[in-house]
Amino acid sequence: KLGFNFAEAADEATYIVPTDTLLRSYIDGAQERTYAFKLVRFLPIDFETADNIDMQEEMDALADWGSEQNDARNLPVFPKGCIVQEVEVLDTEAPYATPVDENLAKYMIPFAVNYLKEATSNG
């Protein structure tokens, strides 16, 4: 299950928390923007075994996949008038985990989609 802005804190639940930020405006009305989001997954946690390493490796693999998609120029499709320039895994916040309870952890990976929003004509 994939949620948008919220999800139940349950095993295997995944959600996206987005923000869309204006970086630069141009005189013709075009804008450079960043659509940043955190991919959040709730996965099992076990303080008695090394299974947590497997969960972190799963999240690391997902972050690597995002970087590989950018390198291959396999970029997401945005609405007409928006030109995606790159997708990046934000290094300023490494994928990390926080325990929710004794059986569940919240894992987060920050991504950003940098895009150009073309100027719209009013005529």
PDB file of N, CA and C in Angstrom:
ATOM      1  N   LYS A   1       0.834  -1.179   0.000  1.00  0.00           N
ATOM      2  CA  LYS A   1       0.000   0.000   0.000  1.00  0.00           C
ATOM      3  C   LYS A   1       0.879   1.243   0.000  1.00  0.00           C
ATOM      4  N   LEU A   2       0.498   2.208  -0.806  1.00  0.00           N
ATOM      5  CA  LEU A   2       1.237   3.469  -0.884  1.00  0.00           C
ATOM      6  C   LEU A   2       0.311   4.596  -0.480  1.00  0.00           C
ATOM      7  N   GLY A   3       0.715   5.376   0.504  1.00  0.00           N
ATOM      8  CA  GLY A   3      -0.065   6.524   0.951  1.00  0.00           C
ATOM      9  C   GLY A   3       0.605   7.811   0.535  1.00  0.00           C
ATOM     10  N   PHE A   4      -0.154   8.876   0.536  1.00  0.00           N
ATOM     11  CA  PHE A   4       0.349  10.193   0.158  1.00  0.00           C
ATOM     12  C   PHE A   4       0.123  11.127   1.333  1.00  0.00           C
ATOM     13  N   ASN A   5       1.209  11.571   1.957  1.00  0.00           N
ATOM     14  CA  ASN A   5       1.206  12.441   3.129  1.00  0.00           C
ATOM     15  C   ASN A   5       0.886  11.737   4.440  1.00  0.00           C
ATOM     16  N   PHE A   6       0.385  10.518   4.403  1.00  0.00           N
ATOM     17  CA  PHE A   6       0.151   9.792   5.642  1.00  0.00           C
ATOM     18  C   PHE A   6       0.045   8.308   5.330  1.00  0.00           C
ATOM     19  N   ALA A   7       0.265   7.503   6.358  1.00  0.00           N
ATOM     20  CA  ALA A   7       0.079   6.060   6.239  1.00  0.00           C
ATOM     21  C   ALA A   7      -0.091   5.505   7.636  1.00  0.00           C
ATOM     22  N   GLU A   8      -0.711   4.363   7.714  1.00  0.00           N
ATOM     23  CA  GLU A   8      -0.838   3.674   8.975  1.00  0.00           C
ATOM     24  C   GLU A   8       0.526   3.117   9.345  1.00  0.00           C
ATOM     25  N   ALA A   9       0.921   3.260  10.587  1.00  0.00           N
ATOM     26  CA  ALA A   9       2.206   2.721  11.042  1.00  0.00           C
ATOM     27  C   ALA A   9       2.050   1.218  11.196  1.00  0.00           C
ATOM     28  N   ALA A  10       2.097   0.526  10.052  1.00  0.00           N
ATOM     29  CA  ALA A  10       1.925  -0.917  10.038  1.00  0.00           C
ATOM     30  C   ALA A  10       3.008  -1.525   9.160  1.00  0.00           C
ATOM     31  N   ASP A  11       3.303  -2.779   9.407  1.00  0.00           N
ATOM     32  CA  ASP A  11       4.325  -3.488   8.647  1.00  0.00           C
ATOM     33  C   ASP A  11       4.072  -3.378   7.151  1.00  0.00           C
ATOM     34  N   GLU A  12       5.124  -2.992   6.407  1.00  0.00           N
ATOM     35  CA  GLU A  12       5.111  -2.871   4.942  1.00  0.00           C
ATOM     36  C   GLU A  12       4.360  -1.642   4.418  1.00  0.00           C
ATOM     37  N   ALA A  13       3.837  -0.784   5.259  1.00  0.00           N
ATOM     38  CA  ALA A  13       3.179   0.443   4.790  1.00  0.00           C
ATOM     39  C   ALA A  13       4.239   1.388   4.234  1.00  0.00           C
ATOM     40  N   THR A  14       3.894   2.087   3.151  1.00  0.00           N
ATOM     41  CA  THR A  14       4.812   3.021   2.499  1.00  0.00           C
ATOM     42  C   THR A  14       4.054   4.299   2.190  1.00  0.00           C
ATOM     43  N   TYR A  15       4.697   5.444   2.407  1.00  0.00           N
ATOM     44  CA  TYR A  15       4.064   6.694   2.020  1.00  0.00           C
ATOM     45  C   TYR A  15       5.091   7.719   1.583  1.00  0.00           C
ATOM     46  N   ILE A  16       4.592   8.765   0.934  1.00  0.00           N
ATOM     47  CA  ILE A  16       5.426   9.834   0.402  1.00  0.00           C
ATOM     48  C   ILE A  16       4.987  11.145   1.042  1.00  0.00           C
ATOM     49  N   VAL A  17       5.976  11.916   1.517  1.00  0.00           N
ATOM     50  CA  VAL A  17       5.722  13.237   2.100  1.00  0.00           C
ATOM     51  C   VAL A  17       6.388  14.264   1.181  1.00  0.00           C
ATOM     52  N   PRO A  18       5.597  15.009   0.372  1.00  0.00           N
ATOM     53  CA  PRO A  18       6.185  15.910  -0.630  1.00  0.00           C
ATOM     54  C   PRO A  18       6.215  17.377  -0.217  1.00  0.00           C
ATOM     55  N   THR A  19       7.123  18.119  -0.861  1.00  0.00           N
ATOM     56  CA  THR A  19       7.127  19.581  -0.845  1.00  0.00           C
ATOM     57  C   THR A  19       7.575  20.053  -2.221  1.00  0.00           C
ATOM     58  N   ASP A  20       6.952  21.087  -2.724  1.00  0.00           N
ATOM     59  CA  ASP A  20       7.311  21.645  -4.030  1.00  0.00           C
ATOM     60  C   ASP A  20       7.834  23.055  -3.782  1.00  0.00           C
ATOM     61  N   THR A  21       9.095  23.303  -4.139  1.00  0.00           N
ATOM     62  CA  THR A  21       9.763  24.555  -3.799  1.00  0.00           C
ATOM     63  C   THR A  21      10.235  25.289  -5.041  1.00  0.00           C
ATOM     64  N   LEU A  22       9.945  26.567  -5.091  1.00  0.00           N
ATOM     65  CA  LEU A  22      10.443  27.437  -6.162  1.00  0.00           C
ATOM     66  C   LEU A  22      11.904  27.755  -5.875  1.00  0.00           C
ATOM     67  N   LEU A  23      12.772  27.504  -6.857  1.00  0.00           N
ATOM     68  CA  LEU A  23      14.196  27.806  -6.714  1.00  0.00           C
ATOM     69  C   LEU A  23      14.561  29.125  -7.381  1.00  0.00           C
ATOM     70  N   ARG A  24      14.008  29.347  -8.591  1.00  0.00           N
ATOM     71  CA  ARG A  24      14.376  30.525  -9.371  1.00  0.00           C
ATOM     72  C   ARG A  24      13.251  30.858 -10.334  1.00  0.00           C
ATOM     73  N   SER A  25      12.943  32.152 -10.457  1.00  0.00           N
ATOM     74  CA  SER A  25      11.963  32.620 -11.435  1.00  0.00           C
ATOM     75  C   SER A  25      12.677  33.399 -12.523  1.00  0.00           C
ATOM     76  N   TYR A  26      12.149  33.293 -13.739  1.00  0.00           N
ATOM     77  CA  TYR A  26      12.713  34.020 -14.870  1.00  0.00           C
ATOM     78  C   TYR A  26      11.716  35.074 -15.344  1.00  0.00           C
ATOM     79  N   ILE A  27      12.223  36.085 -16.018  1.00  0.00           N
ATOM     80  CA  ILE A  27      11.399  37.203 -16.455  1.00  0.00           C
ATOM     81  C   ILE A  27      10.268  36.759 -17.392  1.00  0.00           C
ATOM     82  N   ASP A  28      10.487  35.665 -18.131  1.00  0.00           N
ATOM     83  CA  ASP A  28       9.440  35.178 -19.044  1.00  0.00           C
ATOM     84  C   ASP A  28       8.370  34.357 -18.321  1.00  0.00           C
ATOM     85  N   GLY A  29       8.534  34.141 -17.002  1.00  0.00           N
ATOM     86  CA  GLY A  29       7.554  33.397 -16.220  1.00  0.00           C
ATOM     87  C   GLY A  29       7.941  31.958 -15.954  1.00  0.00           C
ATOM     88  N   ALA A  30       9.000  31.476 -16.601  1.00  0.00           N
ATOM     89  CA  ALA A  30       9.464  30.113 -16.333  1.00  0.00           C
ATOM     90  C   ALA A  30      10.021  30.041 -14.910  1.00  0.00           C
ATOM     91  N   GLN A  31      10.019  28.826 -14.349  1.00  0.00           N
ATOM     92  CA  GLN A  31      10.499  28.635 -12.987  1.00  0.00           C
ATOM     93  C   GLN A  31      11.316  27.358 -12.889  1.00  0.00           C
ATOM     94  N   GLU A  32      12.413  27.428 -12.164  1.00  0.00           N
ATOM     95  CA  GLU A  32      13.124  26.224 -11.756  1.00  0.00           C
ATOM     96  C   GLU A  32      12.553  25.839 -10.405  1.00  0.00           C
ATOM     97  N   ARG A  33      12.163  24.560 -10.271  1.00  0.00           N
ATOM     98  CA  ARG A  33      11.508  24.104  -9.061  1.00  0.00           C
ATOM     99  C   ARG A  33      12.102  22.771  -8.621  1.00  0.00           C
ATOM    100  N   THR A  34      11.925  22.453  -7.366  1.00  0.00           N
ATOM    101  CA  THR A  34      12.301  21.155  -6.818  1.00  0.00           C
ATOM    102  C   THR A  34      11.094  20.540  -6.150  1.00  0.00           C
ATOM    103  N   TYR A  35      10.774  19.329  -6.572  1.00  0.00           N
ATOM    104  CA  TYR A  35       9.737  18.542  -5.923  1.00  0.00           C
ATOM    105  C   TYR A  35      10.476  17.549  -5.033  1.00  0.00           C
ATOM    106  N   ALA A  36      10.596  17.875  -3.768  1.00  0.00           N
ATOM    107  CA  ALA A  36      11.315  17.019  -2.825  1.00  0.00           C
ATOM    108  C   ALA A  36      10.308  16.167  -2.073  1.00  0.00           C
ATOM    109  N   PHE A  37      10.720  14.965  -1.779  1.00  0.00           N
ATOM    110  CA  PHE A  37       9.836  14.103  -1.001  1.00  0.00           C
ATOM    111  C   PHE A  37      10.657  13.083  -0.232  1.00  0.00           C
ATOM    112  N   LYS A  38      10.071  12.611   0.843  1.00  0.00           N
ATOM    113  CA  LYS A  38      10.669  11.532   1.610  1.00  0.00           C
ATOM    114  C   LYS A  38       9.826  10.290   1.376  1.00  0.00           C
ATOM    115  N   LEU A  39      10.494   9.244   0.965  1.00  0.00           N
ATOM    116  CA  LEU A  39       9.844   7.951   0.850  1.00  0.00           C
ATOM    117  C   LEU A  39       9.981   7.298   2.216  1.00  0.00           C
ATOM    118  N   VAL A  40       8.864   6.989   2.835  1.00  0.00           N
ATOM    119  CA  VAL A  40       8.848   6.452   4.188  1.00  0.00           C
ATOM    120  C   VAL A  40       8.263   5.043   4.151  1.00  0.00           C
ATOM    121  N   ARG A  41       8.965   4.105   4.766  1.00  0.00           N
ATOM    122  CA  ARG A  41       8.469   2.719   4.848  1.00  0.00           C
ATOM    123  C   ARG A  41       8.499   2.267   6.297  1.00  0.00           C
ATOM    124  N   PHE A  42       7.481   1.545   6.673  1.00  0.00           N
ATOM    125  CA  PHE A  42       7.461   0.896   7.979  1.00  0.00           C
ATOM    126  C   PHE A  42       7.819  -0.566   7.773  1.00  0.00           C
ATOM    127  N   LEU A  43       8.903  -1.000   8.410  1.00  0.00           N
ATOM    128  CA  LEU A  43       9.390  -2.366   8.256  1.00  0.00           C
ATOM    129  C   LEU A  43       9.644  -2.978   9.634  1.00  0.00           C
ATOM    130  N   PRO A  44       9.640  -4.306   9.699  1.00  0.00           N
ATOM    131  CA  PRO A  44       9.861  -4.948  10.995  1.00  0.00           C
ATOM    132  C   PRO A  44      11.233  -4.621  11.567  1.00  0.00           C
ATOM    133  N   ILE A  45      11.304  -4.620  12.877  1.00  0.00           N
ATOM    134  CA  ILE A  45      12.570  -4.397  13.573  1.00  0.00           C
ATOM    135  C   ILE A  45      12.708  -5.472  14.641  1.00  0.00           C
ATOM    136  N   ASP A  46      13.926  -5.927  14.851  1.00  0.00           N
ATOM    137  CA  ASP A  46      14.177  -6.956  15.851  1.00  0.00           C
ATOM    138  C   ASP A  46      15.479  -6.595  16.546  1.00  0.00           C
ATOM    139  N   PHE A  47      15.391  -6.267  17.795  1.00  0.00           N
ATOM    140  CA  PHE A  47      16.577  -5.848  18.543  1.00  0.00           C
ATOM    141  C   PHE A  47      17.439  -7.030  18.983  1.00  0.00           C
ATOM    142  N   GLU A  48      16.961  -8.241  18.755  1.00  0.00           N
ATOM    143  CA  GLU A  48      17.681  -9.437  19.200  1.00  0.00           C
ATOM    144  C   GLU A  48      18.515 -10.073  18.090  1.00  0.00           C
ATOM    145  N   THR A  49      18.225  -9.749  16.814  1.00  0.00           N
ATOM    146  CA  THR A  49      18.945 -10.375  15.700  1.00  0.00           C
ATOM    147  C   THR A  49      19.512  -9.301  14.775  1.00  0.00           C
ATOM    148  N   ALA A  50      20.180  -9.751  13.735  1.00  0.00           N
ATOM    149  CA  ALA A  50      20.764  -8.833  12.747  1.00  0.00           C
ATOM    150  C   ALA A  50      19.811  -8.573  11.587  1.00  0.00           C
ATOM    151  N   ASP A  51      18.537  -8.947  11.717  1.00  0.00           N
ATOM    152  CA  ASP A  51      17.576  -8.737  10.627  1.00  0.00           C
ATOM    153  C   ASP A  51      17.448  -7.270  10.250  1.00  0.00           C
ATOM    154  N   ASN A  52      17.727  -6.375  11.170  1.00  0.00           N
ATOM    155  CA  ASN A  52      17.623  -4.944  10.893  1.00  0.00           C
ATOM    156  C   ASN A  52      18.586  -4.528   9.782  1.00  0.00           C
ATOM    157  N   ILE A  53      19.713  -5.226   9.687  1.00  0.00           N
ATOM    158  CA  ILE A  53      20.681  -4.932   8.618  1.00  0.00           C
ATOM    159  C   ILE A  53      20.035  -5.204   7.265  1.00  0.00           C
ATOM    160  N   ASP A  54      19.263  -6.276   7.166  1.00  0.00           N
ATOM    161  CA  ASP A  54      18.570  -6.592   5.913  1.00  0.00           C
ATOM    162  C   ASP A  54      17.607  -5.477   5.523  1.00  0.00           C
ATOM    163  N   MET A  55      16.898  -4.937   6.493  1.00  0.00           N
ATOM    164  CA  MET A  55      15.940  -3.860   6.213  1.00  0.00           C
ATOM    165  C   MET A  55      16.672  -2.610   5.744  1.00  0.00           C
ATOM    166  N   GLN A  56      17.790  -2.270   6.394  1.00  0.00           N
ATOM    167  CA  GLN A  56      18.558  -1.098   5.983  1.00  0.00           C
ATOM    168  C   GLN A  56      19.139  -1.308   4.593  1.00  0.00           C
ATOM    169  N   GLU A  57      19.602  -2.527   4.307  1.00  0.00           N
ATOM    170  CA  GLU A  57      20.131  -2.813   2.975  1.00  0.00           C
ATOM    171  C   GLU A  57      19.037  -2.704   1.916  1.00  0.00           C
ATOM    172  N   GLU A  58      17.808  -3.091   2.258  1.00  0.00           N
ATOM    173  CA  GLU A  58      16.682  -2.942   1.333  1.00  0.00           C
ATOM    174  C   GLU A  58      16.451  -1.462   1.016  1.00  0.00           C
ATOM    175  N   MET A  59      16.517  -0.617   2.029  1.00  0.00           N
ATOM    176  CA  MET A  59      16.328   0.825   1.819  1.00  0.00           C
ATOM    177  C   MET A  59      17.513   1.421   1.053  1.00  0.00           C
ATOM    178  N   ASP A  60      18.722   0.992   1.367  1.00  0.00           N
ATOM    179  CA  ASP A  60      19.893   1.465   0.629  1.00  0.00           C
ATOM    180  C   ASP A  60      19.793   1.083  -0.848  1.00  0.00           C
ATOM    181  N   ALA A  61      19.306  -0.125  -1.116  1.00  0.00           N
ATOM    182  CA  ALA A  61      19.139  -0.568  -2.509  1.00  0.00           C
ATOM    183  C   ALA A  61      18.109   0.294  -3.225  1.00  0.00           C
ATOM    184  N   LEU A  62      17.070   0.698  -2.531  1.00  0.00           N
ATOM    185  CA  LEU A  62      16.065   1.574  -3.126  1.00  0.00           C
ATOM    186  C   LEU A  62      16.659   2.941  -3.455  1.00  0.00           C
ATOM    187  N   ALA A  63      17.486   3.477  -2.561  1.00  0.00           N
ATOM    188  CA  ALA A  63      18.157   4.755  -2.818  1.00  0.00           C
ATOM    189  C   ALA A  63      19.107   4.618  -4.009  1.00  0.00           C
ATOM    190  N   ASP A  64      19.847   3.511  -4.069  1.00  0.00           N
ATOM    191  CA  ASP A  64      20.749   3.276  -5.206  1.00  0.00           C
ATOM    192  C   ASP A  64      19.966   3.179  -6.511  1.00  0.00           C
ATOM    193  N   TRP A  65      18.816   2.514  -6.475  1.00  0.00           N
ATOM    194  CA  TRP A  65      17.968   2.386  -7.662  1.00  0.00           C
ATOM    195  C   TRP A  65      17.554   3.775  -8.162  1.00  0.00           C
ATOM    196  N   GLY A  66      17.178   4.664  -7.245  1.00  0.00           N
ATOM    197  CA  GLY A  66      16.805   6.024  -7.644  1.00  0.00           C
ATOM    198  C   GLY A  66      17.942   6.732  -8.348  1.00  0.00           C
ATOM    199  N   SER A  67      19.152   6.598  -7.833  1.00  0.00           N
ATOM    200  CA  SER A  67      20.324   7.211  -8.471  1.00  0.00           C
ATOM    201  C   SER A  67      20.603   6.592  -9.833  1.00  0.00           C
ATOM    202  N   GLU A  68      20.438   5.279  -9.931  1.00  0.00           N
ATOM    203  CA  GLU A  68      20.661   4.598 -11.211  1.00  0.00           C
ATOM    204  C   GLU A  68      19.649   5.056 -12.263  1.00  0.00           C
ATOM    205  N   GLN A  69      18.402   5.279 -11.863  1.00  0.00           N
ATOM    206  CA  GLN A  69      17.381   5.753 -12.802  1.00  0.00           C
ATOM    207  C   GLN A  69      17.752   7.123 -13.342  1.00  0.00           C
ATOM    208  N   ASN A  70      18.286   7.982 -12.486  1.00  0.00           N
ATOM    209  CA  ASN A  70      18.717   9.301 -12.940  1.00  0.00           C
ATOM    210  C   ASN A  70      19.875   9.177 -13.924  1.00  0.00           C
ATOM    211  N   ASP A  71      20.861   8.358 -13.574  1.00  0.00           N
ATOM    212  CA  ASP A  71      22.026   8.177 -14.448  1.00  0.00           C
ATOM    213  C   ASP A  71      21.626   7.630 -15.818  1.00  0.00           C
ATOM    214  N   ALA A  72      20.604   6.770 -15.842  1.00  0.00           N
ATOM    215  CA  ALA A  72      20.122   6.193 -17.099  1.00  0.00           C
ATOM    216  C   ALA A  72      19.148   7.130 -17.822  1.00  0.00           C
ATOM    217  N   ARG A  73      18.878   8.292 -17.220  1.00  0.00           N
ATOM    218  CA  ARG A  73      17.939   9.294 -17.761  1.00  0.00           C
ATOM    219  C   ARG A  73      16.526   8.721 -17.880  1.00  0.00           C
ATOM    220  N   ASN A  74      16.203   7.774 -17.015  1.00  0.00           N
ATOM    221  CA  ASN A  74      14.862   7.218 -16.921  1.00  0.00           C
ATOM    222  C   ASN A  74      14.120   8.047 -15.877  1.00  0.00           C
ATOM    223  N   LEU A  75      13.658   9.214 -16.294  1.00  0.00           N
ATOM    224  CA  LEU A  75      13.105  10.212 -15.388  1.00  0.00           C
ATOM    225  C   LEU A  75      11.585  10.134 -15.342  1.00  0.00           C
ATOM    226  N   PRO A  76      10.989  10.575 -14.241  1.00  0.00           N
ATOM    227  CA  PRO A  76       9.533  10.542 -14.154  1.00  0.00           C
ATOM    228  C   PRO A  76       8.898  11.502 -15.167  1.00  0.00           C
ATOM    229  N   VAL A  77       7.668  11.219 -15.512  1.00  0.00           N
ATOM    230  CA  VAL A  77       6.921  12.073 -16.428  1.00  0.00           C
ATOM    231  C   VAL A  77       6.093  13.031 -15.586  1.00  0.00           C
ATOM    232  N   PHE A  78       6.304  14.312 -15.795  1.00  0.00           N
ATOM    233  CA  PHE A  78       5.541  15.349 -15.106  1.00  0.00           C
ATOM    234  C   PHE A  78       4.496  15.901 -16.074  1.00  0.00           C
ATOM    235  N   PRO A  79       3.563  16.699 -15.566  1.00  0.00           N
ATOM    236  CA  PRO A  79       2.535  17.265 -16.451  1.00  0.00           C
ATOM    237  C   PRO A  79       3.131  18.098 -17.582  1.00  0.00           C
ATOM    238  N   LYS A  80       2.354  18.299 -18.631  1.00  0.00           N
ATOM    239  CA  LYS A  80       2.770  19.114 -19.773  1.00  0.00           C
ATOM    240  C   LYS A  80       3.247  20.480 -19.276  1.00  0.00           C
ATOM    241  N   GLY A  81       4.353  20.936 -19.837  1.00  0.00           N
ATOM    242  CA  GLY A  81       4.918  22.227 -19.444  1.00  0.00           C
ATOM    243  C   GLY A  81       5.951  22.122 -18.342  1.00  0.00           C
ATOM    244  N   CYS A  82       6.202  20.905 -17.851  1.00  0.00           N
ATOM    245  CA  CYS A  82       7.223  20.680 -16.821  1.00  0.00           C
ATOM    246  C   CYS A  82       8.270  19.727 -17.388  1.00  0.00           C
ATOM    247  N   ILE A  83       9.509  20.167 -17.395  1.00  0.00           N
ATOM    248  CA  ILE A  83      10.609  19.376 -17.949  1.00  0.00           C
ATOM    249  C   ILE A  83      11.491  18.906 -16.799  1.00  0.00           C
ATOM    250  N   VAL A  84      11.460  17.600 -16.527  1.00  0.00           N
ATOM    251  CA  VAL A  84      12.272  17.035 -15.454  1.00  0.00           C
ATOM    252  C   VAL A  84      13.728  17.045 -15.890  1.00  0.00           C
ATOM    253  N   GLN A  85      14.583  17.585 -15.026  1.00  0.00           N
ATOM    254  CA  GLN A  85      16.006  17.681 -15.328  1.00  0.00           C
ATOM    255  C   GLN A  85      16.823  16.601 -14.631  1.00  0.00           C
ATOM    256  N   GLU A  86      16.455  16.261 -13.391  1.00  0.00           N
ATOM    257  CA  GLU A  86      17.176  15.216 -12.678  1.00  0.00           C
ATOM    258  C   GLU A  86      16.386  14.756 -11.459  1.00  0.00           C
ATOM    259  N   VAL A  87      16.728  13.549 -11.027  1.00  0.00           N
ATOM    260  CA  VAL A  87      16.226  12.998  -9.770  1.00  0.00           C
ATOM    261  C   VAL A  87      17.449  12.718  -8.925  1.00  0.00           C
ATOM    262  N   GLU A  88      17.391  13.126  -7.681  1.00  0.00           N
ATOM    263  CA  GLU A  88      18.542  12.871  -6.830  1.00  0.00           C
ATOM    264  C   GLU A  88      18.112  12.362  -5.460  1.00  0.00           C
ATOM    265  N   VAL A  89      18.960  11.519  -4.904  1.00  0.00           N
ATOM    266  CA  VAL A  89      18.815  11.116  -3.513  1.00  0.00           C
ATOM    267  C   VAL A  89      19.583  12.156  -2.727  1.00  0.00           C
ATOM    268  N   LEU A  90      18.924  12.794  -1.792  1.00  0.00           N
ATOM    269  CA  LEU A  90      19.561  13.895  -1.074  1.00  0.00           C
ATOM    270  C   LEU A  90      20.571  13.362  -0.060  1.00  0.00           C
ATOM    271  N   ASP A  91      21.829  13.689  -0.304  1.00  0.00           N
ATOM    272  CA  ASP A  91      22.909  13.230   0.566  1.00  0.00           C
ATOM    273  C   ASP A  91      22.913  13.949   1.910  1.00  0.00           C
ATOM    274  N   THR A  92      22.229  15.083   1.977  1.00  0.00           N
ATOM    275  CA  THR A  92      22.210  15.828   3.232  1.00  0.00           C
ATOM    276  C   THR A  92      21.467  15.062   4.313  1.00  0.00           C
ATOM    277  N   GLU A  93      20.625  14.135   3.902  1.00  0.00           N
ATOM    278  CA  GLU A  93      19.901  13.298   4.854  1.00  0.00           C
ATOM    279  C   GLU A  93      20.020  11.856   4.377  1.00  0.00           C
ATOM    280  N   ALA A  94      20.936  11.115   4.958  1.00  0.00           N
ATOM    281  CA  ALA A  94      21.105   9.720   4.554  1.00  0.00           C
ATOM    282  C   ALA A  94      19.868   8.919   4.940  1.00  0.00           C
ATOM    283  N   PRO A  95      19.593   7.838   4.213  1.00  0.00           N
ATOM    284  CA  PRO A  95      18.471   6.990   4.630  1.00  0.00           C
ATOM    285  C   PRO A  95      18.659   6.582   6.090  1.00  0.00           C
ATOM    286  N   TYR A  96      17.616   6.679   6.856  1.00  0.00           N
ATOM    287  CA  TYR A  96      17.762   6.366   8.267  1.00  0.00           C
ATOM    288  C   TYR A  96      16.509   5.694   8.798  1.00  0.00           C
ATOM    289  N   ALA A  97      16.652   5.141   9.979  1.00  0.00           N
ATOM    290  CA  ALA A  97      15.559   4.411  10.616  1.00  0.00           C
ATOM    291  C   ALA A  97      15.346   4.923  12.030  1.00  0.00           C
ATOM    292  N   THR A  98      14.093   4.895  12.442  1.00  0.00           N
ATOM    293  CA  THR A  98      13.730   5.217  13.817  1.00  0.00           C
ATOM    294  C   THR A  98      12.736   4.171  14.302  1.00  0.00           C
ATOM    295  N   PRO A  99      12.951   3.642  15.485  1.00  0.00           N
ATOM    296  CA  PRO A  99      11.990   2.664  16.000  1.00  0.00           C
ATOM    297  C   PRO A  99      10.638   3.322  16.259  1.00  0.00           C
ATOM    298  N   VAL A 100       9.579   2.611  15.937  1.00  0.00           N
ATOM    299  CA  VAL A 100       8.212   3.050  16.242  1.00  0.00           C
ATOM    300  C   VAL A 100       7.767   2.370  17.529  1.00  0.00           C
ATOM    301  N   ASP A 101       8.050   1.083  17.621  1.00  0.00           N
ATOM    302  CA  ASP A 101       7.801   0.303  18.832  1.00  0.00           C
ATOM    303  C   ASP A 101       8.774  -0.863  18.829  1.00  0.00           C
ATOM    304  N   GLU A 102       8.545  -1.854  19.663  1.00  0.00           N
ATOM    305  CA  GLU A 102       9.502  -2.972  19.758  1.00  0.00           C
ATOM    306  C   GLU A 102       9.495  -3.882  18.536  1.00  0.00           C
ATOM    307  N   ASN A 103       8.524  -3.718  17.627  1.00  0.00           N
ATOM    308  CA  ASN A 103       8.423  -4.592  16.456  1.00  0.00           C
ATOM    309  C   ASN A 103       8.508  -3.872  15.118  1.00  0.00           C
ATOM    310  N   LEU A 104       8.537  -2.549  15.130  1.00  0.00           N
ATOM    311  CA  LEU A 104       8.399  -1.797  13.890  1.00  0.00           C
ATOM    312  C   LEU A 104       9.337  -0.588  13.875  1.00  0.00           C
ATOM    313  N   ALA A 105       9.900  -0.317  12.690  1.00  0.00           N
ATOM    314  CA  ALA A 105      10.761   0.862  12.516  1.00  0.00           C
ATOM    315  C   ALA A 105      10.283   1.645  11.304  1.00  0.00           C
ATOM    316  N   LYS A 106      10.515   2.957  11.345  1.00  0.00           N
ATOM    317  CA  LYS A 106      10.193   3.842  10.226  1.00  0.00           C
ATOM    318  C   LYS A 106      11.498   4.177   9.528  1.00  0.00           C
ATOM    319  N   TYR A 107      11.607   3.803   8.237  1.00  0.00           N
ATOM    320  CA  TYR A 107      12.780   4.062   7.413  1.00  0.00           C
ATOM    321  C   TYR A 107      12.440   5.172   6.423  1.00  0.00           C
ATOM    322  N   MET A 108      13.356   6.119   6.232  1.00  0.00           N
ATOM    323  CA  MET A 108      13.082   7.261   5.357  1.00  0.00           C
ATOM    324  C   MET A 108      14.240   7.498   4.394  1.00  0.00           C
ATOM    325  N   ILE A 109      13.892   7.799   3.123  1.00  0.00           N
ATOM    326  CA  ILE A 109      14.883   8.178   2.121  1.00  0.00           C
ATOM    327  C   ILE A 109      14.415   9.492   1.491  1.00  0.00           C
ATOM    328  N   PRO A 110      15.238  10.541   1.535  1.00  0.00           N
ATOM    329  CA  PRO A 110      14.864  11.805   0.902  1.00  0.00           C
ATOM    330  C   PRO A 110      15.279  11.842  -0.574  1.00  0.00           C
ATOM    331  N   PHE A 111      14.333  12.192  -1.434  1.00  0.00           N
ATOM    332  CA  PHE A 111      14.564  12.344  -2.874  1.00  0.00           C
ATOM    333  C   PHE A 111      14.204  13.767  -3.290  1.00  0.00           C
ATOM    334  N   ALA A 112      14.690  14.193  -4.445  1.00  0.00           N
ATOM    335  CA  ALA A 112      14.270  15.460  -5.044  1.00  0.00           C
ATOM    336  C   ALA A 112      14.206  15.286  -6.555  1.00  0.00           C
ATOM    337  N   VAL A 113      13.176  15.853  -7.147  1.00  0.00           N
ATOM    338  CA  VAL A 113      13.036  15.904  -8.602  1.00  0.00           C
ATOM    339  C   VAL A 113      13.174  17.373  -8.984  1.00  0.00           C
ATOM    340  N   ASN A 114      14.236  17.699  -9.698  1.00  0.00           N
ATOM    341  CA  ASN A 114      14.462  19.076 -10.142  1.00  0.00           C
ATOM    342  C   ASN A 114      13.879  19.212 -11.539  1.00  0.00           C
ATOM    343  N   TYR A 115      13.063  20.270 -11.717  1.00  0.00           N
ATOM    344  CA  TYR A 115      12.386  20.431 -13.004  1.00  0.00           C
ATOM    345  C   TYR A 115      12.218  21.893 -13.374  1.00  0.00           C
ATOM    346  N   LEU A 116      11.999  22.117 -14.649  1.00  0.00           N
ATOM    347  CA  LEU A 116      11.732  23.454 -15.171  1.00  0.00           C
ATOM    348  C   LEU A 116      10.265  23.521 -15.525  1.00  0.00           C
ATOM    349  N   LYS A 117       9.576  24.495 -14.938  1.00  0.00           N
ATOM    350  CA  LYS A 117       8.181  24.740 -15.273  1.00  0.00           C
ATOM    351  C   LYS A 117       8.170  25.861 -16.309  1.00  0.00           C
ATOM    352  N   GLU A 118       7.741  25.528 -17.512  1.00  0.00           N
ATOM    353  CA  GLU A 118       7.756  26.519 -18.600  1.00  0.00           C
ATOM    354  C   GLU A 118       6.749  27.625 -18.329  1.00  0.00           C
ATOM    355  N   ALA A 119       7.031  28.785 -18.917  1.00  0.00           N
ATOM    356  CA  ALA A 119       6.122  29.926 -18.801  1.00  0.00           C
ATOM    357  C   ALA A 119       4.839  29.606 -19.551  1.00  0.00           C
ATOM    358  N   THR A 120       3.727  30.062 -19.016  1.00  0.00           N
ATOM    359  CA  THR A 120       2.452  29.888 -19.717  1.00  0.00           C
ATOM    360  C   THR A 120       2.096  31.176 -20.408  1.00  0.00           C
ATOM    361  N   SER A 121       1.492  31.045 -21.569  1.00  0.00           N
ATOM    362  CA  SER A 121       1.083  32.258 -22.301  1.00  0.00           C
ATOM    363  C   SER A 121      -0.325  32.631 -21.910  1.00  0.00           C
ATOM    364  N   ASN A 122      -0.568  33.920 -21.825  1.00  0.00           N
ATOM    365  CA  ASN A 122      -1.889  34.418 -21.469  1.00  0.00           C
ATOM    366  C   ASN A 122      -2.653  34.902 -22.692  1.00  0.00           C
ATOM    367  N   GLY A 123      -2.204  34.534 -23.860  1.00  0.00           N
ATOM    368  CA  GLY A 123      -2.844  35.070 -25.042  1.00  0.00           C
ATOM    369  C   GLY A 123      -3.346  34.054 -25.899  1.00  0.00           C
TER     370      GLY A 123
END
